[in-house]
Amino acid sequence: MLLLVAESSGSSPGRQGFKMAVADGRQFHGSIGGGIMEVKLVELAKDLLKEEILLPKIKNQIHRKNEPRDQSGMICSGEQTVIYFALDPYHLPEVLTIIDVLGQYKSCLLHISYAR
């Protein structure tokens, strides 16, 4: 599953464009900001991977201690929005392209869609 920080504001540890891949079990790569927030979001990704139908999910995270909703567990006073996107073998060419581009320290545009 791909976790992608779609937007961030204020003092958010995860900045727009940060990404992380989470596989079944304990395998993951990348970061969406670290800390307890990342631990909780990785656990959610693992739970989502167990579902029969994998649909995209958007999760807001607010980094303020007294926030009643979407509290991340961090106190840096920013916010970030994370998109969960399930990957399957169909996406392998795009994943390999991303790996190649990142290996060359280049930038690219990632368009996420469930349309095939």
N, C-alpha and C. Protein backbone atom coordinates (compact mmCIF):
# COMPACT_ATOMS: atom_id res chain seq x y z
N MET A 1 0.85 -1.17 0.00
CA MET A 1 0.00 0.00 0.00
C MET A 1 0.90 1.23 0.00
N LEU A 2 0.52 2.21 -0.79
CA LEU A 2 1.24 3.47 -0.86
C LEU A 2 0.56 4.48 0.06
N LEU A 3 1.33 5.11 0.93
CA LEU A 3 0.86 6.21 1.76
C LEU A 3 1.55 7.45 1.23
N LEU A 4 0.77 8.47 0.94
CA LEU A 4 1.30 9.68 0.32
C LEU A 4 0.77 10.90 1.05
N VAL A 5 1.67 11.80 1.46
CA VAL A 5 1.25 13.06 2.07
C VAL A 5 0.81 13.97 0.93
N ALA A 6 -0.50 14.19 0.84
CA ALA A 6 -1.07 14.99 -0.25
C ALA A 6 -0.94 16.48 0.02
N GLU A 7 -1.04 16.86 1.30
CA GLU A 7 -0.88 18.27 1.65
C GLU A 7 -0.43 18.36 3.10
N SER A 8 0.21 19.47 3.43
CA SER A 8 0.64 19.71 4.80
C SER A 8 0.64 21.21 5.04
N SER A 9 0.51 21.57 6.31
CA SER A 9 0.54 22.99 6.67
C SER A 9 1.14 23.14 8.06
N GLY A 10 1.64 24.32 8.33
CA GLY A 10 2.23 24.60 9.64
C GLY A 10 3.44 23.73 9.90
N SER A 11 3.67 23.44 11.16
CA SER A 11 4.82 22.63 11.57
C SER A 11 4.45 21.15 11.53
N SER A 12 4.34 20.64 10.34
CA SER A 12 4.00 19.23 10.15
C SER A 12 5.26 18.46 9.80
N PRO A 13 5.50 17.32 10.46
CA PRO A 13 6.71 16.55 10.15
C PRO A 13 6.66 15.91 8.77
N GLY A 14 5.47 15.60 8.30
CA GLY A 14 5.31 15.04 6.96
C GLY A 14 4.97 16.16 5.99
N ARG A 15 5.80 16.37 5.00
CA ARG A 15 5.58 17.45 4.03
C ARG A 15 4.95 16.87 2.76
N GLN A 16 4.29 17.73 2.01
CA GLN A 16 3.65 17.31 0.77
C GLN A 16 4.66 16.57 -0.11
N GLY A 17 4.25 15.40 -0.59
CA GLY A 17 5.11 14.59 -1.44
C GLY A 17 5.84 13.48 -0.72
N PHE A 18 5.90 13.52 0.63
CA PHE A 18 6.50 12.41 1.37
C PHE A 18 5.69 11.15 1.07
N LYS A 19 6.36 10.03 0.94
CA LYS A 19 5.66 8.79 0.64
C LYS A 19 6.27 7.61 1.37
N MET A 20 5.44 6.59 1.54
CA MET A 20 5.86 5.38 2.22
C MET A 20 5.11 4.21 1.61
N ALA A 21 5.80 3.10 1.42
CA ALA A 21 5.17 1.86 0.96
C ALA A 21 5.10 0.90 2.12
N VAL A 22 3.94 0.28 2.32
CA VAL A 22 3.74 -0.68 3.40
C VAL A 22 3.25 -1.98 2.78
N ALA A 23 3.93 -3.08 3.11
CA ALA A 23 3.54 -4.39 2.61
C ALA A 23 3.00 -5.23 3.77
N ASP A 24 2.46 -6.39 3.42
CA ASP A 24 2.01 -7.31 4.47
C ASP A 24 3.17 -7.60 5.41
N GLY A 25 2.87 -7.85 6.65
CA GLY A 25 3.93 -8.16 7.61
C GLY A 25 4.61 -6.90 8.10
N ARG A 26 5.94 -6.95 8.18
CA ARG A 26 6.70 -5.84 8.76
C ARG A 26 7.48 -5.03 7.72
N GLN A 27 7.22 -5.24 6.46
CA GLN A 27 8.00 -4.56 5.43
C GLN A 27 7.42 -3.19 5.11
N PHE A 28 8.29 -2.17 5.15
CA PHE A 28 7.89 -0.84 4.73
C PHE A 28 9.13 -0.07 4.30
N HIS A 29 8.90 0.99 3.52
CA HIS A 29 10.01 1.79 3.02
C HIS A 29 9.54 3.23 2.87
N GLY A 30 10.37 4.17 3.26
CA GLY A 30 10.05 5.59 3.15
C GLY A 30 9.56 6.14 4.47
N SER A 31 9.02 7.35 4.43
CA SER A 31 8.51 7.99 5.65
C SER A 31 7.45 9.02 5.27
N ILE A 32 6.46 9.15 6.15
CA ILE A 32 5.44 10.18 5.98
C ILE A 32 5.48 11.15 7.15
N GLY A 33 6.59 11.14 7.90
CA GLY A 33 6.75 12.13 8.97
C GLY A 33 7.32 11.58 10.26
N GLY A 34 7.25 10.28 10.49
CA GLY A 34 7.85 9.69 11.67
C GLY A 34 6.99 9.78 12.92
N GLY A 35 7.60 9.36 14.04
CA GLY A 35 6.96 9.45 15.34
C GLY A 35 5.77 8.53 15.50
N ILE A 36 5.02 8.78 16.58
CA ILE A 36 3.86 7.96 16.90
C ILE A 36 2.80 8.05 15.79
N MET A 37 2.72 9.19 15.13
CA MET A 37 1.77 9.34 14.04
C MET A 37 2.04 8.31 12.95
N GLU A 38 3.30 8.20 12.53
CA GLU A 38 3.64 7.26 11.48
C GLU A 38 3.37 5.83 11.92
N VAL A 39 3.66 5.51 13.17
CA VAL A 39 3.39 4.17 13.69
C VAL A 39 1.90 3.85 13.56
N LYS A 40 1.04 4.80 13.97
CA LYS A 40 -0.41 4.58 13.90
C LYS A 40 -0.89 4.45 12.45
N LEU A 41 -0.35 5.26 11.56
CA LEU A 41 -0.78 5.21 10.16
C LEU A 41 -0.31 3.93 9.47
N VAL A 42 0.86 3.43 9.84
CA VAL A 42 1.34 2.15 9.29
C VAL A 42 0.44 1.02 9.78
N GLU A 43 0.04 1.06 11.05
CA GLU A 43 -0.87 0.04 11.58
C GLU A 43 -2.20 0.07 10.84
N LEU A 44 -2.71 1.26 10.55
CA LEU A 44 -3.95 1.37 9.78
C LEU A 44 -3.76 0.78 8.38
N ALA A 45 -2.62 1.05 7.76
CA ALA A 45 -2.34 0.49 6.43
C ALA A 45 -2.35 -1.04 6.48
N LYS A 46 -1.75 -1.61 7.50
CA LYS A 46 -1.74 -3.08 7.64
C LYS A 46 -3.15 -3.61 7.79
N ASP A 47 -3.98 -2.91 8.57
CA ASP A 47 -5.38 -3.33 8.73
C ASP A 47 -6.13 -3.22 7.40
N LEU A 48 -5.90 -2.15 6.66
CA LEU A 48 -6.58 -1.97 5.38
C LEU A 48 -6.19 -3.06 4.38
N LEU A 49 -4.93 -3.51 4.45
CA LEU A 49 -4.46 -4.55 3.53
C LEU A 49 -5.19 -5.88 3.75
N LYS A 50 -5.78 -6.07 4.91
CA LYS A 50 -6.52 -7.30 5.22
C LYS A 50 -7.93 -7.30 4.63
N GLU A 51 -8.41 -6.14 4.20
CA GLU A 51 -9.76 -6.05 3.65
C GLU A 51 -9.82 -6.67 2.26
N GLU A 52 -10.99 -7.19 1.93
CA GLU A 52 -11.17 -7.86 0.64
C GLU A 52 -11.15 -6.87 -0.52
N ILE A 53 -11.79 -5.73 -0.33
CA ILE A 53 -11.82 -4.69 -1.37
C ILE A 53 -10.98 -3.51 -0.88
N LEU A 54 -9.96 -3.17 -1.63
CA LEU A 54 -9.03 -2.11 -1.23
C LEU A 54 -9.35 -0.83 -1.98
N LEU A 55 -10.01 0.08 -1.32
CA LEU A 55 -10.35 1.38 -1.91
C LEU A 55 -9.44 2.45 -1.35
N PRO A 56 -9.21 3.52 -2.10
CA PRO A 56 -8.40 4.63 -1.56
C PRO A 56 -9.04 5.20 -0.31
N LYS A 57 -8.22 5.68 0.59
CA LYS A 57 -8.69 6.28 1.84
C LYS A 57 -7.90 7.55 2.08
N ILE A 58 -8.57 8.56 2.63
CA ILE A 58 -7.91 9.81 3.00
C ILE A 58 -7.97 9.94 4.51
N LYS A 59 -6.83 10.24 5.12
CA LYS A 59 -6.74 10.36 6.58
C LYS A 59 -6.11 11.71 6.92
N ASN A 60 -6.86 12.55 7.61
CA ASN A 60 -6.32 13.83 8.08
C ASN A 60 -5.63 13.62 9.42
N GLN A 61 -4.54 14.34 9.62
CA GLN A 61 -3.80 14.28 10.88
C GLN A 61 -3.56 15.70 11.36
N ILE A 62 -3.97 15.98 12.59
CA ILE A 62 -3.79 17.30 13.18
C ILE A 62 -2.84 17.15 14.36
N HIS A 63 -1.77 17.93 14.34
CA HIS A 63 -0.69 17.79 15.32
C HIS A 63 -0.86 18.80 16.46
N ARG A 64 -1.97 18.70 17.17
CA ARG A 64 -2.22 19.53 18.35
C ARG A 64 -2.78 18.63 19.45
N LYS A 65 -2.27 18.78 20.65
CA LYS A 65 -2.60 17.89 21.75
C LYS A 65 -4.09 17.86 22.08
N ASN A 66 -4.78 18.98 22.03
CA ASN A 66 -6.17 19.05 22.46
C ASN A 66 -7.17 18.97 21.31
N GLU A 67 -6.74 18.52 20.17
CA GLU A 67 -7.63 18.42 19.00
C GLU A 67 -8.63 17.28 19.21
N PRO A 68 -9.95 17.55 19.09
CA PRO A 68 -10.93 16.50 19.34
C PRO A 68 -11.01 15.44 18.23
N ARG A 69 -10.66 15.79 16.99
CA ARG A 69 -10.73 14.84 15.88
C ARG A 69 -9.40 14.78 15.14
N ASP A 70 -9.10 13.60 14.62
CA ASP A 70 -7.92 13.41 13.76
C ASP A 70 -6.61 13.79 14.45
N GLN A 71 -6.54 13.65 15.77
CA GLN A 71 -5.34 13.99 16.53
C GLN A 71 -4.26 12.95 16.24
N SER A 72 -3.09 13.42 15.86
CA SER A 72 -2.02 12.53 15.41
C SER A 72 -1.19 11.93 16.53
N GLY A 73 -1.24 12.53 17.72
CA GLY A 73 -0.37 12.09 18.80
C GLY A 73 0.88 12.94 18.90
N MET A 74 1.04 13.89 17.99
CA MET A 74 2.19 14.78 17.99
C MET A 74 1.72 16.18 18.37
N ILE A 75 2.64 17.04 18.78
CA ILE A 75 2.27 18.37 19.28
C ILE A 75 2.95 19.50 18.51
N CYS A 76 3.31 19.28 17.28
CA CYS A 76 4.07 20.27 16.52
C CYS A 76 3.19 21.34 15.87
N SER A 77 1.89 21.29 16.08
CA SER A 77 0.89 22.30 15.70
C SER A 77 0.62 22.44 14.20
N GLY A 78 1.01 21.48 13.40
CA GLY A 78 0.69 21.51 11.98
C GLY A 78 -0.40 20.52 11.63
N GLU A 79 -0.60 20.32 10.35
CA GLU A 79 -1.59 19.36 9.85
C GLU A 79 -1.05 18.70 8.59
N GLN A 80 -1.53 17.49 8.32
CA GLN A 80 -1.20 16.85 7.06
C GLN A 80 -2.33 15.90 6.67
N THR A 81 -2.45 15.69 5.37
CA THR A 81 -3.45 14.78 4.83
C THR A 81 -2.71 13.65 4.12
N VAL A 82 -3.05 12.42 4.49
CA VAL A 82 -2.39 11.24 3.94
C VAL A 82 -3.40 10.45 3.11
N ILE A 83 -2.99 10.08 1.90
CA ILE A 83 -3.79 9.23 1.03
C ILE A 83 -3.24 7.81 1.11
N TYR A 84 -4.15 6.85 1.31
CA TYR A 84 -3.81 5.43 1.26
C TYR A 84 -4.25 4.91 -0.10
N PHE A 85 -3.33 4.30 -0.83
CA PHE A 85 -3.64 3.79 -2.16
C PHE A 85 -3.08 2.38 -2.28
N ALA A 86 -3.97 1.40 -2.46
CA ALA A 86 -3.54 0.01 -2.57
C ALA A 86 -2.90 -0.24 -3.92
N LEU A 87 -1.78 -0.92 -3.90
CA LEU A 87 -1.06 -1.27 -5.13
C LEU A 87 -1.23 -2.75 -5.41
N ASP A 88 -1.28 -3.12 -6.69
CA ASP A 88 -1.33 -4.52 -7.08
C ASP A 88 -0.38 -4.72 -8.26
N PRO A 89 -0.25 -5.94 -8.78
CA PRO A 89 0.70 -6.16 -9.88
C PRO A 89 0.48 -5.26 -11.10
N TYR A 90 -0.74 -4.80 -11.30
CA TYR A 90 -1.04 -3.89 -12.40
C TYR A 90 -0.20 -2.61 -12.32
N HIS A 91 0.14 -2.20 -11.11
CA HIS A 91 0.87 -0.95 -10.88
C HIS A 91 2.40 -1.11 -10.97
N LEU A 92 2.88 -2.32 -11.18
CA LEU A 92 4.33 -2.56 -11.16
C LEU A 92 5.12 -1.68 -12.12
N PRO A 93 4.69 -1.47 -13.37
CA PRO A 93 5.48 -0.58 -14.25
C PRO A 93 5.65 0.83 -13.67
N GLU A 94 4.59 1.37 -13.08
CA GLU A 94 4.68 2.71 -12.49
C GLU A 94 5.61 2.72 -11.28
N VAL A 95 5.52 1.67 -10.46
CA VAL A 95 6.39 1.58 -9.28
C VAL A 95 7.85 1.52 -9.72
N LEU A 96 8.15 0.73 -10.74
CA LEU A 96 9.53 0.63 -11.22
C LEU A 96 10.02 1.96 -11.79
N THR A 97 9.14 2.70 -12.45
CA THR A 97 9.50 4.02 -12.95
C THR A 97 9.82 4.96 -11.80
N ILE A 98 9.00 4.94 -10.76
CA ILE A 98 9.25 5.79 -9.59
C ILE A 98 10.59 5.45 -8.95
N ILE A 99 10.87 4.16 -8.80
CA ILE A 99 12.15 3.74 -8.21
C ILE A 99 13.31 4.24 -9.06
N ASP A 100 13.19 4.13 -10.38
CA ASP A 100 14.24 4.58 -11.28
C ASP A 100 14.46 6.09 -11.16
N VAL A 101 13.37 6.86 -11.17
CA VAL A 101 13.47 8.32 -11.08
C VAL A 101 14.08 8.74 -9.75
N LEU A 102 13.63 8.14 -8.66
CA LEU A 102 14.18 8.48 -7.34
C LEU A 102 15.66 8.11 -7.25
N GLY A 103 16.04 7.00 -7.87
CA GLY A 103 17.44 6.58 -7.87
C GLY A 103 18.34 7.55 -8.61
N GLN A 104 17.76 8.33 -9.52
CA GLN A 104 18.52 9.33 -10.27
C GLN A 104 18.39 10.73 -9.64
N TYR A 105 17.74 10.80 -8.49
CA TYR A 105 17.52 12.08 -7.77
C TYR A 105 16.80 13.09 -8.65
N LYS A 106 15.85 12.60 -9.43
CA LYS A 106 15.02 13.47 -10.27
C LYS A 106 13.64 13.58 -9.65
N SER A 107 12.85 14.47 -10.18
CA SER A 107 11.47 14.59 -9.71
C SER A 107 10.53 14.09 -10.80
N CYS A 108 9.31 13.75 -10.39
CA CYS A 108 8.31 13.31 -11.35
C CYS A 108 6.93 13.61 -10.78
N LEU A 109 5.93 13.50 -11.60
CA LEU A 109 4.55 13.72 -11.19
C LEU A 109 3.87 12.37 -11.05
N LEU A 110 3.23 12.15 -9.92
CA LEU A 110 2.51 10.91 -9.67
C LEU A 110 1.02 11.20 -9.73
N HIS A 111 0.33 10.58 -10.67
CA HIS A 111 -1.13 10.74 -10.82
C HIS A 111 -1.77 9.47 -10.29
N ILE A 112 -2.60 9.60 -9.24
CA ILE A 112 -3.24 8.45 -8.63
C ILE A 112 -4.68 8.36 -9.13
N SER A 113 -5.04 7.19 -9.66
CA SER A 113 -6.39 6.97 -10.16
C SER A 113 -6.70 5.48 -10.11
N TYR A 114 -7.97 5.15 -9.85
CA TYR A 114 -8.37 3.75 -9.91
C TYR A 114 -8.86 3.36 -11.30
N ALA A 115 -8.90 4.30 -12.22
CA ALA A 115 -9.28 3.99 -13.60
C ALA A 115 -8.17 3.17 -14.25
N ARG A 116 -8.55 2.16 -14.99
CA ARG A 116 -7.54 1.32 -15.65
C ARG A 116 -7.64 1.43 -17.14
